[in-house]
Amino acid sequence: MRQLKQVILFMVSLCFTLLVQAQNPKFSPSIFTAVDQVTIEIDVTGTNMAGETAAYIWIFSNPDAADGDANKPKKDGVVNGAWGNSSESAKLTNVGANKWQFSFTGTELFGLTPAQLTSFGFLLKAKDGSKQTPDYKPFKFDPLVFTPTMMRVFPAKVGTEDVITVNFDQTLAESVNDQRLSPKEAEVTLYDNSGAVVGTKSFQLKEAGNQKWSAIFIPSYSFSVPAGTQLSRFSYLFKGTVKDATGQDIEHKTAATEIPFTQFK
C-alpha cells in the first residue's frame, strides 16, 4: 500500500511538472533588449486555450510597475485591438499541437523608449475573448548597455528607411594610421540580398569634438536603389589622409564594418 501511494504521488508530481513546463514560455533569443526582435513560443496545453485552432496575443508593458508611474507606463500592445475582437495583427502562428509563436520588438509594439520599458506580460485568447490562458508575467527586458567602440552605428538596429548615423571615435583607434588619420568623409556601400553592390557613396563628416566624427544618411533615399531591390546590409568606413615619413599627405581608410538591415514588420 505504501509503495502504491508513493507511485501515485510520483505520477501526480510528474504530471504537475510537465504541465508547468508546457505552460512556460520560451524566448528566442533568450536574452533581449527592448530594441531586439524576440519570438515567444508558448504551449497552451492544460489551459482553456488547449485545442483551439486560432490564438491571439494580448500583451502589455511594465505589469510590475506602480500604477501611474510616468517613467514606466503601463500600455497595451498596439496589435491588441478590442478584447471582444482581437486585431489580426495579434494572431499567433501555430507551430505544433497547442504551440503558438509571436514575434515583436518592444519599442515598436508599445510605442515606448527603451528607458521606459523594463518588463512585459501577456496572455493568449480567443479572438472574441471567450477563452483565455492565465497571465504570463513579468518578463524582463535586458537593459541597454552602451559599449564605446571606434566604429559605431546609431540606432543599433536599423532599417532601410531609417536616419542612420555612423560614428568614428578616434580616441579608441588601435592602429597607428587610424590614430593619425585626418578624417574627411565616411564611405558607405549598400548590398542587395545576393551580395551584389547596389552603390557606394561618400558623406561629409560632422566633427563632434574630442576626436569624434559622424555622418548621416538614409539608405533608401541617399542612394539610387533600383525598383524591387531588397537591401540586405551596408558597410561603412572613414577615409582621409595621414602624413608619410616625408611629411606628405597620403590617403588612408579605416577597415570597413558591415551592418545588416533589420526587416521591420
C-alpha atoms as a PDB file:
ATOM      1  CA  MET A   1       0.000   0.000   0.000  1.00  0.00           C
ATOM      2  CA  ARG A   2       2.828   2.379   0.881  1.00  0.00           C
ATOM      3  CA  GLN A   3       4.531   1.695  -2.456  1.00  0.00           C
ATOM      4  CA  LEU A   4       1.242   2.326  -4.290  1.00  0.00           C
ATOM      5  CA  LYS A   5       0.861   5.705  -2.554  1.00  0.00           C
ATOM      6  CA  GLN A   6       4.441   6.606  -3.500  1.00  0.00           C
ATOM      7  CA  VAL A   7       3.761   5.691  -7.130  1.00  0.00           C
ATOM      8  CA  ILE A   8       0.581   7.784  -7.153  1.00  0.00           C
ATOM      9  CA  LEU A   9       2.355  10.755  -5.588  1.00  0.00           C
ATOM     10  CA  PHE A  10       5.165  10.434  -8.119  1.00  0.00           C
ATOM     11  CA  MET A  11       2.731  10.356 -11.060  1.00  0.00           C
ATOM     12  CA  VAL A  12       0.839  13.384  -9.729  1.00  0.00           C
ATOM     13  CA  SER A  13       4.114  15.252  -9.258  1.00  0.00           C
ATOM     14  CA  LEU A  14       5.294  14.293 -12.743  1.00  0.00           C
ATOM     15  CA  CYS A  15       2.029  15.430 -14.345  1.00  0.00           C
ATOM     16  CA  PHE A  16       2.212  18.746 -12.485  1.00  0.00           C
ATOM     17  CA  THR A  17       5.825  19.265 -13.585  1.00  0.00           C
ATOM     18  CA  LEU A  18       5.002  18.511 -17.218  1.00  0.00           C
ATOM     19  CA  LEU A  19       2.021  20.859 -17.089  1.00  0.00           C
ATOM     20  CA  VAL A  20       4.113  23.684 -15.671  1.00  0.00           C
ATOM     21  CA  GLN A  21       6.816  23.079 -18.272  1.00  0.00           C
ATOM     22  CA  ALA A  22       4.209  23.047 -21.042  1.00  0.00           C
ATOM     23  CA  GLN A  23       2.971  26.460 -19.949  1.00  0.00           C
ATOM     24  CA  ASN A  24       6.394  28.013 -19.519  1.00  0.00           C
ATOM     25  CA  PRO A  25       7.043  30.429 -22.431  1.00  0.00           C
ATOM     26  CA  LYS A  26      10.250  30.113 -24.411  1.00  0.00           C
ATOM     27  CA  PHE A  27      12.023  33.131 -25.874  1.00  0.00           C
ATOM     28  CA  SER A  28      14.371  33.367 -28.838  1.00  0.00           C
ATOM     29  CA  PRO A  29      16.837  34.898 -28.204  1.00  0.00           C
ATOM     30  CA  SER A  30      16.709  34.012 -24.537  1.00  0.00           C
ATOM     31  CA  ILE A  31      18.102  37.427 -23.550  1.00  0.00           C
ATOM     32  CA  PHE A  32      16.838  40.506 -25.365  1.00  0.00           C
ATOM     33  CA  THR A  33      16.564  44.269 -25.004  1.00  0.00           C
ATOM     34  CA  ALA A  34      13.617  46.493 -25.845  1.00  0.00           C
ATOM     35  CA  VAL A  35      15.082  47.153 -29.326  1.00  0.00           C
ATOM     36  CA  ASP A  36      15.668  43.493 -30.227  1.00  0.00           C
ATOM     37  CA  GLN A  37      13.168  41.357 -32.100  1.00  0.00           C
ATOM     38  CA  VAL A  38      12.134  38.450 -29.890  1.00  0.00           C
ATOM     39  CA  THR A  39       9.961  35.410 -30.622  1.00  0.00           C
ATOM     40  CA  ILE A  40       7.712  33.934 -27.939  1.00  0.00           C
ATOM     41  CA  GLU A  41       6.750  30.274 -28.100  1.00  0.00           C
ATOM     42  CA  ILE A  42       4.040  29.128 -25.723  1.00  0.00           C
ATOM     43  CA  ASP A  43       2.422  25.734 -25.146  1.00  0.00           C
ATOM     44  CA  VAL A  44      -1.191  26.187 -24.016  1.00  0.00           C
ATOM     45  CA  THR A  45      -1.701  22.553 -23.020  1.00  0.00           C
ATOM     46  CA  GLY A  46      -3.716  22.416 -19.818  1.00  0.00           C
ATOM     47  CA  THR A  47      -5.241  25.880 -20.286  1.00  0.00           C
ATOM     48  CA  ASN A  48      -8.636  26.959 -21.602  1.00  0.00           C
ATOM     49  CA  MET A  49      -6.985  27.599 -24.976  1.00  0.00           C
ATOM     50  CA  ALA A  50      -5.948  23.950 -25.457  1.00  0.00           C
ATOM     51  CA  GLY A  51      -7.323  22.558 -28.707  1.00  0.00           C
ATOM     52  CA  GLU A  52      -8.175  25.950 -30.220  1.00  0.00           C
ATOM     53  CA  THR A  53      -7.468  26.402 -33.931  1.00  0.00           C
ATOM     54  CA  ALA A  54      -6.611  30.112 -33.626  1.00  0.00           C
ATOM     55  CA  ALA A  55      -4.960  32.129 -30.872  1.00  0.00           C
ATOM     56  CA  TYR A  56      -4.397  35.857 -30.362  1.00  0.00           C
ATOM     57  CA  ILE A  57      -1.964  37.596 -28.048  1.00  0.00           C
ATOM     58  CA  TRP A  58      -2.992  40.247 -25.525  1.00  0.00           C
ATOM     59  CA  ILE A  59       0.239  41.894 -24.464  1.00  0.00           C
ATOM     60  CA  PHE A  60       1.009  44.742 -22.056  1.00  0.00           C
ATOM     61  CA  SER A  61       4.023  46.678 -20.785  1.00  0.00           C
ATOM     62  CA  ASN A  62       5.504  47.058 -17.306  1.00  0.00           C
ATOM     63  CA  PRO A  63       2.984  44.945 -15.350  1.00  0.00           C
ATOM     64  CA  ASP A  64       5.207  45.112 -12.262  1.00  0.00           C
ATOM     65  CA  ALA A  65       5.480  48.923 -12.281  1.00  0.00           C
ATOM     66  CA  ALA A  66       3.495  51.113  -9.911  1.00  0.00           C
ATOM     67  CA  ASP A  67       0.193  52.400 -11.273  1.00  0.00           C
ATOM     68  CA  GLY A  68       0.558  55.902 -12.668  1.00  0.00           C
ATOM     69  CA  ASP A  69       4.367  55.713 -12.976  1.00  0.00           C
ATOM     70  CA  ALA A  70       5.023  58.036 -15.919  1.00  0.00           C
ATOM     71  CA  ASN A  71       8.560  56.694 -16.270  1.00  0.00           C
ATOM     72  CA  LYS A  72       7.314  53.092 -16.678  1.00  0.00           C
ATOM     73  CA  PRO A  73       3.917  53.404 -18.397  1.00  0.00           C
ATOM     74  CA  LYS A  74       1.511  50.502 -18.469  1.00  0.00           C
ATOM     75  CA  LYS A  75       0.344  50.224 -22.070  1.00  0.00           C
ATOM     76  CA  ASP A  76      -1.397  47.645 -24.201  1.00  0.00           C
ATOM     77  CA  GLY A  77       0.423  46.478 -27.286  1.00  0.00           C
ATOM     78  CA  VAL A  78      -0.557  48.307 -30.459  1.00  0.00           C
ATOM     79  CA  VAL A  79      -1.637  44.989 -32.000  1.00  0.00           C
ATOM     80  CA  ASN A  80      -4.164  44.084 -29.296  1.00  0.00           C
ATOM     81  CA  GLY A  81      -7.345  45.539 -30.759  1.00  0.00           C
ATOM     82  CA  ALA A  82     -10.508  45.202 -28.629  1.00  0.00           C
ATOM     83  CA  TRP A  83     -10.946  42.437 -26.061  1.00  0.00           C
ATOM     84  CA  GLY A  84     -14.042  41.159 -27.860  1.00  0.00           C
ATOM     85  CA  ASN A  85     -12.465  41.464 -31.316  1.00  0.00           C
ATOM     86  CA  SER A  86      -8.697  40.970 -31.408  1.00  0.00           C
ATOM     87  CA  SER A  87      -6.735  42.550 -34.227  1.00  0.00           C
ATOM     88  CA  GLU A  88      -5.457  40.187 -36.913  1.00  0.00           C
ATOM     89  CA  SER A  89      -2.006  41.635 -36.188  1.00  0.00           C
ATOM     90  CA  ALA A  90      -2.243  39.887 -32.815  1.00  0.00           C
ATOM     91  CA  LYS A  91      -2.795  36.445 -34.346  1.00  0.00           C
ATOM     92  CA  LEU A  92      -0.141  33.894 -33.459  1.00  0.00           C
ATOM     93  CA  THR A  93       1.447  31.287 -35.714  1.00  0.00           C
ATOM     94  CA  ASN A  94       0.710  27.654 -34.945  1.00  0.00           C
ATOM     95  CA  VAL A  95       3.911  25.602 -34.689  1.00  0.00           C
ATOM     96  CA  GLY A  96       2.536  22.310 -33.334  1.00  0.00           C
ATOM     97  CA  ALA A  97      -0.169  20.808 -31.167  1.00  0.00           C
ATOM     98  CA  ASN A  98      -1.196  23.589 -28.749  1.00  0.00           C
ATOM     99  CA  LYS A  99       2.021  25.505 -29.550  1.00  0.00           C
ATOM    100  CA  TRP A 100       1.983  29.095 -30.764  1.00  0.00           C
ATOM    101  CA  GLN A 101       4.558  31.734 -31.724  1.00  0.00           C
ATOM    102  CA  PHE A 102       4.557  35.526 -31.864  1.00  0.00           C
ATOM    103  CA  SER A 103       7.432  37.909 -32.736  1.00  0.00           C
ATOM    104  CA  PHE A 104       7.775  41.545 -31.714  1.00  0.00           C
ATOM    105  CA  THR A 105      10.154  44.375 -30.863  1.00  0.00           C
ATOM    106  CA  GLY A 106       9.334  46.078 -27.562  1.00  0.00           C
ATOM    107  CA  THR A 107       9.782  49.705 -28.593  1.00  0.00           C
ATOM    108  CA  GLU A 108       7.642  49.224 -31.707  1.00  0.00           C
ATOM    109  CA  LEU A 109       4.942  47.165 -30.014  1.00  0.00           C
ATOM    110  CA  PHE A 110       4.370  49.570 -27.121  1.00  0.00           C
ATOM    111  CA  GLY A 111       5.449  52.891 -28.646  1.00  0.00           C
ATOM    112  CA  LEU A 112       7.809  53.494 -25.723  1.00  0.00           C
ATOM    113  CA  THR A 113      11.510  54.244 -25.454  1.00  0.00           C
ATOM    114  CA  PRO A 114      13.961  51.599 -24.186  1.00  0.00           C
ATOM    115  CA  ALA A 115      14.283  53.568 -20.935  1.00  0.00           C
ATOM    116  CA  GLN A 116      10.520  53.303 -20.381  1.00  0.00           C
ATOM    117  CA  LEU A 117      10.401  49.535 -20.902  1.00  0.00           C
ATOM    118  CA  THR A 118      11.578  47.246 -18.126  1.00  0.00           C
ATOM    119  CA  SER A 119       9.151  44.331 -18.466  1.00  0.00           C
ATOM    120  CA  PHE A 120       6.055  42.968 -20.183  1.00  0.00           C
ATOM    121  CA  GLY A 121       3.339  40.381 -19.727  1.00  0.00           C
ATOM    122  CA  PHE A 122       0.858  38.651 -21.987  1.00  0.00           C
ATOM    123  CA  LEU A 123      -1.879  36.074 -22.334  1.00  0.00           C
ATOM    124  CA  LEU A 124      -3.342  34.123 -25.230  1.00  0.00           C
ATOM    125  CA  LYS A 125      -7.033  34.383 -26.033  1.00  0.00           C
ATOM    126  CA  ALA A 126      -9.752  33.522 -28.498  1.00  0.00           C
ATOM    127  CA  LYS A 127     -10.482  36.314 -30.962  1.00  0.00           C
ATOM    128  CA  ASP A 128     -13.792  37.123 -29.244  1.00  0.00           C
ATOM    129  CA  GLY A 129     -12.339  36.867 -25.726  1.00  0.00           C
ATOM    130  CA  SER A 130     -14.483  33.856 -24.803  1.00  0.00           C
ATOM    131  CA  LYS A 131     -11.418  31.846 -23.794  1.00  0.00           C
ATOM    132  CA  GLN A 132      -8.012  32.792 -22.448  1.00  0.00           C
ATOM    133  CA  THR A 133      -4.892  31.494 -20.757  1.00  0.00           C
ATOM    134  CA  PRO A 134      -3.646  32.780 -17.408  1.00  0.00           C
ATOM    135  CA  ASP A 135      -1.423  35.867 -17.464  1.00  0.00           C
ATOM    136  CA  TYR A 136       2.253  35.193 -18.114  1.00  0.00           C
ATOM    137  CA  LYS A 137       4.270  37.919 -16.367  1.00  0.00           C
ATOM    138  CA  PRO A 138       6.506  39.674 -15.762  1.00  0.00           C
ATOM    139  CA  PHE A 139       9.309  39.073 -18.255  1.00  0.00           C
ATOM    140  CA  LYS A 140      12.249  41.440 -18.154  1.00  0.00           C
ATOM    141  CA  PHE A 141      13.865  43.372 -20.968  1.00  0.00           C
ATOM    142  CA  ASP A 142      17.641  43.281 -20.694  1.00  0.00           C
ATOM    143  CA  PRO A 143      18.921  46.838 -20.108  1.00  0.00           C
ATOM    144  CA  LEU A 144      20.737  48.514 -22.969  1.00  0.00           C
ATOM    145  CA  VAL A 145      24.431  48.817 -22.202  1.00  0.00           C
ATOM    146  CA  PHE A 146      26.474  51.275 -24.235  1.00  0.00           C
ATOM    147  CA  THR A 147      29.929  49.928 -25.093  1.00  0.00           C
ATOM    148  CA  PRO A 148      32.225  52.555 -26.635  1.00  0.00           C
ATOM    149  CA  THR A 149      33.955  51.380 -29.834  1.00  0.00           C
ATOM    150  CA  MET A 150      35.896  53.114 -32.583  1.00  0.00           C
ATOM    151  CA  MET A 151      33.162  52.391 -35.142  1.00  0.00           C
ATOM    152  CA  ARG A 152      29.543  52.628 -34.045  1.00  0.00           C
ATOM    153  CA  VAL A 153      26.115  52.919 -35.673  1.00  0.00           C
ATOM    154  CA  PHE A 154      23.073  54.671 -34.219  1.00  0.00           C
ATOM    155  CA  PRO A 155      20.478  53.321 -33.779  1.00  0.00           C
ATOM    156  CA  ALA A 156      21.819  49.853 -33.051  1.00  0.00           C
ATOM    157  CA  LYS A 157      19.068  48.214 -35.152  1.00  0.00           C
ATOM    158  CA  VAL A 158      18.474  49.906 -38.499  1.00  0.00           C
ATOM    159  CA  GLY A 159      16.043  49.616 -41.382  1.00  0.00           C
ATOM    160  CA  THR A 160      16.421  50.813 -44.947  1.00  0.00           C
ATOM    161  CA  GLU A 161      14.348  53.953 -44.320  1.00  0.00           C
ATOM    162  CA  ASP A 162      15.949  54.949 -41.025  1.00  0.00           C
ATOM    163  CA  VAL A 163      18.112  58.006 -40.488  1.00  0.00           C
ATOM    164  CA  ILE A 164      21.421  56.283 -39.739  1.00  0.00           C
ATOM    165  CA  THR A 165      24.415  57.871 -38.028  1.00  0.00           C
ATOM    166  CA  VAL A 166      27.839  56.278 -38.444  1.00  0.00           C
ATOM    167  CA  ASN A 167      30.383  57.333 -35.830  1.00  0.00           C
ATOM    168  CA  PHE A 168      34.180  57.352 -35.681  1.00  0.00           C
ATOM    169  CA  ASP A 169      35.793  57.728 -32.230  1.00  0.00           C
ATOM    170  CA  GLN A 170      39.490  58.177 -32.924  1.00  0.00           C
ATOM    171  CA  THR A 171      40.377  58.044 -29.226  1.00  0.00           C
ATOM    172  CA  LEU A 172      39.620  54.307 -29.382  1.00  0.00           C
ATOM    173  CA  ALA A 173      41.678  53.617 -32.511  1.00  0.00           C
ATOM    174  CA  GLU A 174      44.307  50.887 -32.194  1.00  0.00           C
ATOM    175  CA  SER A 175      46.284  51.046 -35.452  1.00  0.00           C
ATOM    176  CA  VAL A 176      48.838  53.830 -35.846  1.00  0.00           C
ATOM    177  CA  ASN A 177      47.361  55.094 -39.123  1.00  0.00           C
ATOM    178  CA  ASP A 178      43.827  55.162 -37.677  1.00  0.00           C
ATOM    179  CA  GLN A 179      45.174  57.166 -34.750  1.00  0.00           C
ATOM    180  CA  ARG A 180      46.901  59.635 -37.096  1.00  0.00           C
ATOM    181  CA  LEU A 181      44.089  59.858 -39.648  1.00  0.00           C
ATOM    182  CA  SER A 182      42.693  63.264 -40.590  1.00  0.00           C
ATOM    183  CA  PRO A 183      39.141  62.104 -41.463  1.00  0.00           C
ATOM    184  CA  LYS A 184      37.463  63.716 -44.471  1.00  0.00           C
ATOM    185  CA  GLU A 185      34.492  61.524 -45.387  1.00  0.00           C
ATOM    186  CA  ALA A 186      32.510  58.435 -44.471  1.00  0.00           C
ATOM    187  CA  GLU A 187      32.198  55.913 -47.298  1.00  0.00           C
ATOM    188  CA  VAL A 188      29.056  53.746 -47.324  1.00  0.00           C
ATOM    189  CA  THR A 189      28.360  50.753 -49.578  1.00  0.00           C
ATOM    190  CA  LEU A 190      24.939  49.114 -49.951  1.00  0.00           C
ATOM    191  CA  TYR A 191      24.419  45.422 -50.788  1.00  0.00           C
ATOM    192  CA  ASP A 192      21.358  43.537 -52.011  1.00  0.00           C
ATOM    193  CA  ASN A 193      20.221  40.048 -50.950  1.00  0.00           C
ATOM    194  CA  SER A 194      22.547  38.373 -53.440  1.00  0.00           C
ATOM    195  CA  GLY A 195      25.564  40.201 -52.024  1.00  0.00           C
ATOM    196  CA  ALA A 196      25.924  42.434 -55.078  1.00  0.00           C
ATOM    197  CA  VAL A 197      26.926  46.065 -54.574  1.00  0.00           C
ATOM    198  CA  VAL A 198      23.982  48.419 -55.124  1.00  0.00           C
ATOM    199  CA  GLY A 199      26.016  51.573 -54.722  1.00  0.00           C
ATOM    200  CA  THR A 200      28.872  53.312 -52.908  1.00  0.00           C
ATOM    201  CA  LYS A 201      28.723  56.905 -51.760  1.00  0.00           C
ATOM    202  CA  SER A 202      30.758  59.272 -49.587  1.00  0.00           C
ATOM    203  CA  PHE A 203      29.205  61.537 -46.959  1.00  0.00           C
ATOM    204  CA  GLN A 204      30.511  64.688 -45.348  1.00  0.00           C
ATOM    205  CA  LEU A 205      31.633  64.373 -41.741  1.00  0.00           C
ATOM    206  CA  LYS A 206      30.458  66.411 -38.808  1.00  0.00           C
ATOM    207  CA  GLU A 207      33.026  66.898 -36.064  1.00  0.00           C
ATOM    208  CA  ALA A 208      31.683  66.391 -32.547  1.00  0.00           C
ATOM    209  CA  GLY A 209      34.904  67.382 -30.800  1.00  0.00           C
ATOM    210  CA  ASN A 210      37.410  65.316 -28.825  1.00  0.00           C
ATOM    211  CA  GLN A 211      38.452  63.381 -31.972  1.00  0.00           C
ATOM    212  CA  LYS A 212      34.946  62.188 -32.763  1.00  0.00           C
ATOM    213  CA  TRP A 213      33.250  62.419 -36.166  1.00  0.00           C
ATOM    214  CA  SER A 214      29.936  61.293 -37.612  1.00  0.00           C
ATOM    215  CA  ALA A 215      27.959  61.204 -40.852  1.00  0.00           C
ATOM    216  CA  ILE A 216      24.243  60.771 -41.519  1.00  0.00           C
ATOM    217  CA  PHE A 217      22.419  59.046 -44.374  1.00  0.00           C
ATOM    218  CA  ILE A 218      19.140  57.289 -45.223  1.00  0.00           C
ATOM    219  CA  PRO A 219      19.762  54.151 -47.304  1.00  0.00           C
ATOM    220  CA  SER A 220      16.602  54.241 -49.414  1.00  0.00           C
ATOM    221  CA  TYR A 221      16.857  57.987 -50.086  1.00  0.00           C
ATOM    222  CA  SER A 222      20.569  58.761 -50.149  1.00  0.00           C
ATOM    223  CA  PHE A 223      21.213  56.146 -52.858  1.00  0.00           C
ATOM    224  CA  SER A 224      19.617  55.388 -56.215  1.00  0.00           C
ATOM    225  CA  VAL A 225      18.165  51.975 -55.390  1.00  0.00           C
ATOM    226  CA  PRO A 226      16.592  50.169 -58.389  1.00  0.00           C
ATOM    227  CA  ALA A 227      12.887  49.379 -58.005  1.00  0.00           C
ATOM    228  CA  GLY A 228      12.286  45.947 -56.496  1.00  0.00           C
ATOM    229  CA  THR A 229      15.758  45.705 -54.967  1.00  0.00           C
ATOM    230  CA  GLN A 230      15.804  44.383 -51.419  1.00  0.00           C
ATOM    231  CA  LEU A 231      18.725  45.717 -49.429  1.00  0.00           C
ATOM    232  CA  SER A 232      20.354  43.283 -47.018  1.00  0.00           C
ATOM    233  CA  ARG A 233      23.216  45.217 -45.413  1.00  0.00           C
ATOM    234  CA  PHE A 234      25.670  48.070 -45.686  1.00  0.00           C
ATOM    235  CA  SER A 235      29.325  48.592 -44.885  1.00  0.00           C
ATOM    236  CA  TYR A 236      30.987  51.810 -43.847  1.00  0.00           C
ATOM    237  CA  LEU A 237      34.474  53.159 -43.301  1.00  0.00           C
ATOM    238  CA  PHE A 238      36.144  56.513 -42.726  1.00  0.00           C
ATOM    239  CA  LYS A 239      38.740  57.909 -45.097  1.00  0.00           C
ATOM    240  CA  GLY A 240      41.122  60.832 -45.162  1.00  0.00           C
ATOM    241  CA  THR A 241      44.857  61.404 -45.104  1.00  0.00           C
ATOM    242  CA  VAL A 242      47.882  60.642 -42.946  1.00  0.00           C
ATOM    243  CA  LYS A 243      51.403  62.027 -43.118  1.00  0.00           C
ATOM    244  CA  ASP A 244      54.124  59.792 -44.511  1.00  0.00           C
ATOM    245  CA  ALA A 245      57.787  59.823 -43.400  1.00  0.00           C
ATOM    246  CA  THR A 246      58.478  62.873 -45.595  1.00  0.00           C
ATOM    247  CA  GLY A 247      55.525  64.813 -44.269  1.00  0.00           C
ATOM    248  CA  GLN A 248      53.446  64.346 -47.414  1.00  0.00           C
ATOM    249  CA  ASP A 249      49.719  63.575 -47.240  1.00  0.00           C
ATOM    250  CA  ILE A 250      48.750  60.075 -48.350  1.00  0.00           C
ATOM    251  CA  GLU A 251      45.274  58.554 -48.467  1.00  0.00           C
ATOM    252  CA  HIS A 252      44.168  56.176 -45.744  1.00  0.00           C
ATOM    253  CA  LYS A 253      40.946  54.299 -44.978  1.00  0.00           C
ATOM    254  CA  THR A 254      39.872  52.529 -41.809  1.00  0.00           C
ATOM    255  CA  ALA A 255      38.760  48.916 -42.068  1.00  0.00           C
ATOM    256  CA  ALA A 256      35.119  48.565 -43.124  1.00  0.00           C
ATOM    257  CA  THR A 257      32.362  47.481 -40.747  1.00  0.00           C
ATOM    258  CA  GLU A 258      29.252  45.658 -42.011  1.00  0.00           C
ATOM    259  CA  ILE A 259      25.755  46.206 -40.574  1.00  0.00           C
ATOM    260  CA  PRO A 260      22.699  44.092 -41.523  1.00  0.00           C
ATOM    261  CA  PHE A 261      19.352  45.751 -42.101  1.00  0.00           C
ATOM    262  CA  THR A 262      16.572  44.682 -39.760  1.00  0.00           C
ATOM    263  CA  GLN A 263      13.456  43.773 -41.710  1.00  0.00           C
ATOM    264  CA  PHE A 264      10.865  45.591 -39.594  1.00  0.00           C
ATOM    265  CA  LYS A 265       7.302  44.310 -39.840  1.00  0.00           C
END
